[in-house]
Amino acid sequence: MAGTDRSRGWRPGPTACYNRPGEFPRSISAMARQLRLKLGQPASYAREAFVCGPSNAEATAAIDAWPSWPGAALALVGPEGVGKTHLARAWADAAGAVTLDRRDPDLAAAPEGRPVLVEDLDQGAPEEALFHLINRAPLPGGGLLLTARTRPSGWTIALPDLRSRLNALFVAEIAEPDDAVLEGLLRKFFTARNIRPATEVYAYLLRRIERSAVTARDVVARLDDAPDELKPVSRALARQILEGD
């Protein structure tokens, strides 16, 4: 049966939240900062590293509903930096999906019998190829996850049949981060740079920065780039950085 084939090898991950960073030494000199940059942790798309909360609860539930998506296809949408790629790559790894480049003119030449992930579809893709991918999704072993910043109904599409398919897609949306997710993101970004800020820095930043993953990443980068004589990262340094805007 199609449903059985699609689920073969599927290993649903827990809807886990990223907690506290590891313990890392504070930077006290230019040499220490260089070492920190060298030791910086690469991006992880492990499901257990995904920061979850109310703002992405709909999306995590939708991903976990695989392989029961209507038409075996899902569009995962949301603003830049909210975790679409992280959640999509974790799904692809667990489902054994192949990841395709949306710009590839041979997009529809993907191997049959495997789920497929294609990202950034709001930025365009060969329309005939995308149409065929959607049509193939319900076949045994198939499936399709698309990511984008906007809903499929807003994409610029010339092919009428593709427009019809996109309008019928199951859509899950990730909103801008709530407090729980924003704090988790800040902790994650600090950890990636091997920085352990003072405890009160988190509460201070949560009250003052824009509810945006991009802003959180930028603020952490600016704190990391501050002169070493102002370190370690403290509430006073955070205030100085933000008031300098």
Protein backbone atom coordinates (compact mmCIF):
# COMPACT_ATOMS: atom_id res chain seq x y z
CA MET A 1 0.00 0.00 0.00
CA ALA A 2 1.14 3.54 -0.72
CA GLY A 3 0.90 4.67 2.87
CA THR A 4 2.96 1.73 4.05
CA ASP A 5 5.65 2.29 1.44
CA ARG A 6 5.96 5.97 2.24
CA SER A 7 6.40 5.27 5.91
CA ARG A 8 9.18 2.74 5.36
CA GLY A 9 12.30 3.96 7.16
CA TRP A 10 10.50 6.91 8.76
CA ARG A 11 11.91 7.66 12.19
CA PRO A 12 9.88 10.47 13.74
CA GLY A 13 11.97 12.58 16.05
CA PRO A 14 10.72 13.90 19.37
CA THR A 15 9.22 17.37 19.46
CA ALA A 16 12.10 18.45 21.63
CA CYS A 17 13.19 21.95 22.55
CA TYR A 18 16.75 23.17 22.55
CA ASN A 19 17.68 23.80 26.16
CA ARG A 20 20.81 25.34 27.61
CA PRO A 21 24.16 25.65 25.86
CA GLY A 22 27.22 23.72 26.88
CA GLU A 23 29.77 25.24 29.15
CA PHE A 24 32.35 27.22 27.23
CA PRO A 25 35.19 29.46 28.45
CA ARG A 26 34.70 33.22 28.12
CA SER A 27 36.80 35.25 25.73
CA ILE A 28 39.22 37.54 27.52
CA SER A 29 41.67 38.40 24.75
CA ALA A 30 42.00 38.61 20.99
CA MET A 31 43.76 35.25 20.98
CA ALA A 32 40.95 33.67 22.96
CA ARG A 33 38.39 35.11 20.54
CA GLN A 34 40.27 33.65 17.55
CA LEU A 35 40.29 30.28 19.27
CA ARG A 36 36.56 30.60 19.94
CA LEU A 37 35.89 31.28 16.27
CA LYS A 38 37.93 28.26 15.25
CA LEU A 39 36.04 26.08 17.70
CA GLY A 40 32.62 27.47 16.72
CA GLN A 41 30.06 24.75 16.27
CA PRO A 42 28.74 24.03 12.74
CA ALA A 43 25.01 24.33 12.12
CA SER A 44 23.12 21.25 13.25
CA TYR A 45 19.88 20.13 11.62
CA ALA A 46 19.27 17.43 14.22
CA ARG A 47 15.64 17.41 15.30
CA GLU A 48 16.58 17.52 18.98
CA ALA A 49 18.41 20.81 18.33
CA PHE A 50 15.28 22.46 16.92
CA VAL A 51 14.00 25.26 19.16
CA CYS A 52 10.28 24.69 19.63
CA GLY A 53 7.44 26.71 21.12
CA PRO A 54 3.96 28.07 20.36
CA SER A 55 5.15 29.96 17.27
CA ASN A 56 6.17 26.76 15.49
CA ALA A 57 3.85 24.22 17.14
CA GLU A 58 1.65 23.98 14.03
CA ALA A 59 4.64 23.28 11.83
CA THR A 60 6.19 20.63 14.09
CA ALA A 61 2.83 18.86 14.39
CA ALA A 62 2.42 18.92 10.62
CA ILE A 63 5.89 17.51 10.02
CA ASP A 64 5.24 14.78 12.58
CA ALA A 65 2.02 13.85 10.76
CA TRP A 66 4.10 12.39 7.90
CA PRO A 67 3.31 10.16 6.02
CA SER A 68 -0.36 11.14 6.43
CA TRP A 69 -0.14 14.49 4.62
CA PRO A 70 -3.05 15.07 2.23
CA GLY A 71 -1.74 14.19 -1.21
CA ALA A 72 1.56 13.19 0.47
CA ALA A 73 2.74 16.81 0.08
CA LEU A 74 3.29 19.73 2.47
CA ALA A 75 4.32 23.37 2.06
CA LEU A 76 6.24 24.67 5.09
CA VAL A 77 6.20 28.48 5.10
CA GLY A 78 7.41 31.34 7.28
CA PRO A 79 9.75 34.35 7.47
CA GLU A 80 13.51 34.15 7.10
CA GLY A 81 15.39 32.45 9.91
CA VAL A 82 12.47 30.87 11.79
CA GLY A 83 13.67 27.28 11.29
CA LYS A 84 12.11 26.10 8.04
CA THR A 85 15.36 24.64 6.73
CA HIS A 86 16.20 23.06 10.09
CA LEU A 87 12.83 21.32 10.37
CA ALA A 88 12.83 20.34 6.69
CA ARG A 89 16.34 18.87 6.77
CA ALA A 90 15.55 16.93 9.94
CA TRP A 91 12.48 15.50 8.19
CA ALA A 92 14.50 14.66 5.07
CA ASP A 93 17.07 12.79 7.12
CA ALA A 94 14.44 10.81 9.02
CA ALA A 95 12.31 10.07 5.93
CA GLY A 96 15.24 9.18 3.68
CA ALA A 97 14.29 12.00 1.31
CA VAL A 98 16.37 13.34 -1.54
CA THR A 99 16.99 17.11 -1.49
CA LEU A 100 16.74 18.84 -4.88
CA ASP A 101 17.78 22.30 -6.07
CA ARG A 102 14.73 24.31 -7.14
CA ARG A 103 16.75 25.85 -10.02
CA ASP A 104 17.61 22.49 -11.59
CA PRO A 105 15.93 22.21 -15.01
CA ASP A 106 15.85 18.43 -14.45
CA LEU A 107 13.95 18.83 -11.18
CA ALA A 108 11.36 16.24 -12.21
CA ALA A 109 14.10 13.68 -12.95
CA ALA A 110 14.36 12.83 -9.24
CA PRO A 111 14.40 9.10 -8.50
CA GLU A 112 10.92 7.66 -8.07
CA GLY A 113 9.97 5.84 -4.88
CA ARG A 114 11.63 8.34 -2.52
CA PRO A 115 10.32 11.43 -0.71
CA VAL A 116 11.63 14.75 -2.03
CA LEU A 117 12.55 18.06 -0.38
CA VAL A 118 12.76 21.31 -2.39
CA GLU A 119 13.43 24.63 -0.63
CA ASP A 120 12.76 28.31 -1.38
CA LEU A 121 10.00 27.65 -3.88
CA ASP A 122 8.66 31.21 -3.62
CA GLN A 123 11.82 32.24 -5.49
CA GLY A 124 10.80 30.26 -8.55
CA ALA A 125 11.33 26.84 -10.12
CA PRO A 126 10.71 25.14 -13.49
CA GLU A 127 6.91 24.98 -13.45
CA GLU A 128 6.42 21.81 -15.49
CA ALA A 129 8.93 20.00 -13.28
CA LEU A 130 7.25 21.17 -10.08
CA PHE A 131 3.87 20.14 -11.45
CA HIS A 132 5.17 16.60 -12.06
CA LEU A 133 6.76 16.41 -8.61
CA ILE A 134 3.43 17.22 -6.97
CA ASN A 135 1.64 14.66 -9.12
CA ARG A 136 4.20 11.97 -8.21
CA ALA A 137 4.10 12.65 -4.47
CA PRO A 138 1.22 10.21 -3.68
CA LEU A 139 2.85 7.30 -5.52
CA PRO A 140 4.27 4.40 -3.44
CA GLY A 141 7.40 5.48 -1.62
CA GLY A 142 6.91 9.11 -2.63
CA GLY A 143 6.22 12.34 -0.78
CA LEU A 144 7.05 16.03 -1.18
CA LEU A 145 8.05 18.79 1.23
CA LEU A 146 8.37 22.34 -0.10
CA THR A 147 9.63 25.35 1.88
CA ALA A 148 9.05 29.03 1.17
CA ARG A 149 8.70 32.40 2.88
CA THR A 150 5.16 32.86 1.56
CA ARG A 151 2.13 30.65 1.01
CA PRO A 152 1.83 28.88 -2.36
CA SER A 153 -1.28 30.92 -3.15
CA GLY A 154 0.99 33.98 -3.40
CA TRP A 155 3.65 32.52 -5.70
CA THR A 156 3.92 33.87 -9.25
CA ILE A 157 2.80 30.96 -11.44
CA ALA A 158 1.96 30.96 -15.16
CA LEU A 159 0.92 27.32 -15.58
CA PRO A 160 -2.82 26.97 -14.73
CA ASP A 161 -2.58 23.29 -13.76
CA LEU A 162 0.30 24.02 -11.38
CA ARG A 163 -1.63 26.92 -9.85
CA SER A 164 -4.49 24.52 -9.13
CA ARG A 165 -2.15 21.98 -7.49
CA LEU A 166 -0.45 24.63 -5.36
CA ASN A 167 -3.75 26.08 -4.18
CA ALA A 168 -4.73 22.63 -2.92
CA LEU A 169 -1.47 21.98 -1.00
CA PHE A 170 -1.49 21.25 2.72
CA VAL A 171 0.26 24.28 4.30
CA ALA A 172 1.91 24.65 7.72
CA GLU A 173 3.24 28.01 8.87
CA ILE A 174 6.00 29.03 11.28
CA ALA A 175 5.44 32.47 12.80
CA GLU A 176 8.03 34.92 14.12
CA PRO A 177 9.45 33.53 17.39
CA ASP A 178 7.59 33.81 20.68
CA ASP A 179 9.52 34.40 23.93
CA ALA A 180 10.31 30.73 24.48
CA VAL A 181 11.64 30.25 20.96
CA LEU A 182 13.49 33.57 20.93
CA GLU A 183 15.34 32.73 24.13
CA GLY A 184 16.17 29.29 22.75
CA LEU A 185 17.51 30.89 19.57
CA LEU A 186 19.66 33.33 21.53
CA ARG A 187 21.11 30.45 23.54
CA LYS A 188 21.73 28.51 20.34
CA PHE A 189 23.46 31.44 18.61
CA PHE A 190 25.64 32.12 21.67
CA THR A 191 26.56 28.45 21.86
CA ALA A 192 27.51 28.38 18.17
CA ARG A 193 30.08 31.10 18.97
CA ASN A 194 31.18 29.39 22.20
CA ILE A 195 29.99 32.35 24.31
CA ARG A 196 28.47 32.08 27.78
CA PRO A 197 26.79 35.41 28.57
CA ALA A 198 25.73 36.53 32.02
CA THR A 199 22.35 35.06 32.98
CA GLU A 200 20.53 38.40 33.01
CA VAL A 201 21.48 39.06 29.37
CA TYR A 202 18.70 36.81 28.10
CA ALA A 203 15.90 38.56 29.96
CA TYR A 204 17.31 41.95 28.98
CA LEU A 205 17.46 41.08 25.26
CA LEU A 206 14.01 39.45 25.25
CA ARG A 207 12.46 42.71 26.45
CA ARG A 208 14.23 44.87 23.89
CA ILE A 209 14.97 43.19 20.57
CA GLU A 210 12.65 42.66 17.63
CA ARG A 211 10.81 39.32 17.59
CA SER A 212 12.92 38.00 14.73
CA ALA A 213 15.40 35.17 14.38
CA VAL A 214 17.46 37.34 12.03
CA THR A 215 17.64 40.12 14.64
CA ALA A 216 18.62 37.66 17.37
CA ARG A 217 21.45 36.29 15.22
CA ASP A 218 22.63 39.81 14.39
CA VAL A 219 22.64 40.94 18.04
CA VAL A 220 24.68 37.92 19.11
CA ALA A 221 27.17 38.57 16.30
CA ARG A 222 27.52 42.21 17.37
CA LEU A 223 28.09 41.20 20.98
CA ASP A 224 30.75 38.76 19.83
CA ASP A 225 32.42 41.49 17.75
CA ALA A 226 32.57 43.96 20.65
CA PRO A 227 36.10 44.90 21.83
CA ASP A 228 37.59 42.32 24.16
CA GLU A 229 38.10 44.91 26.92
CA LEU A 230 34.28 45.10 27.21
CA LYS A 231 33.92 41.35 27.65
CA PRO A 232 32.60 39.06 29.00
CA VAL A 233 29.13 39.54 27.52
CA SER A 234 27.06 41.28 30.18
CA ARG A 235 23.83 43.25 30.51
CA ALA A 236 25.85 46.46 30.36
CA LEU A 237 27.48 45.42 27.10
CA ALA A 238 24.11 44.38 25.65
CA ARG A 239 22.67 47.78 26.58
CA GLN A 240 25.63 49.55 24.98
CA ILE A 241 25.22 47.55 21.76
CA LEU A 242 21.46 48.14 21.54
CA GLU A 243 21.61 51.84 22.46
CA GLY A 244 24.17 52.33 19.73
CA ASP A 245 21.50 51.54 17.09
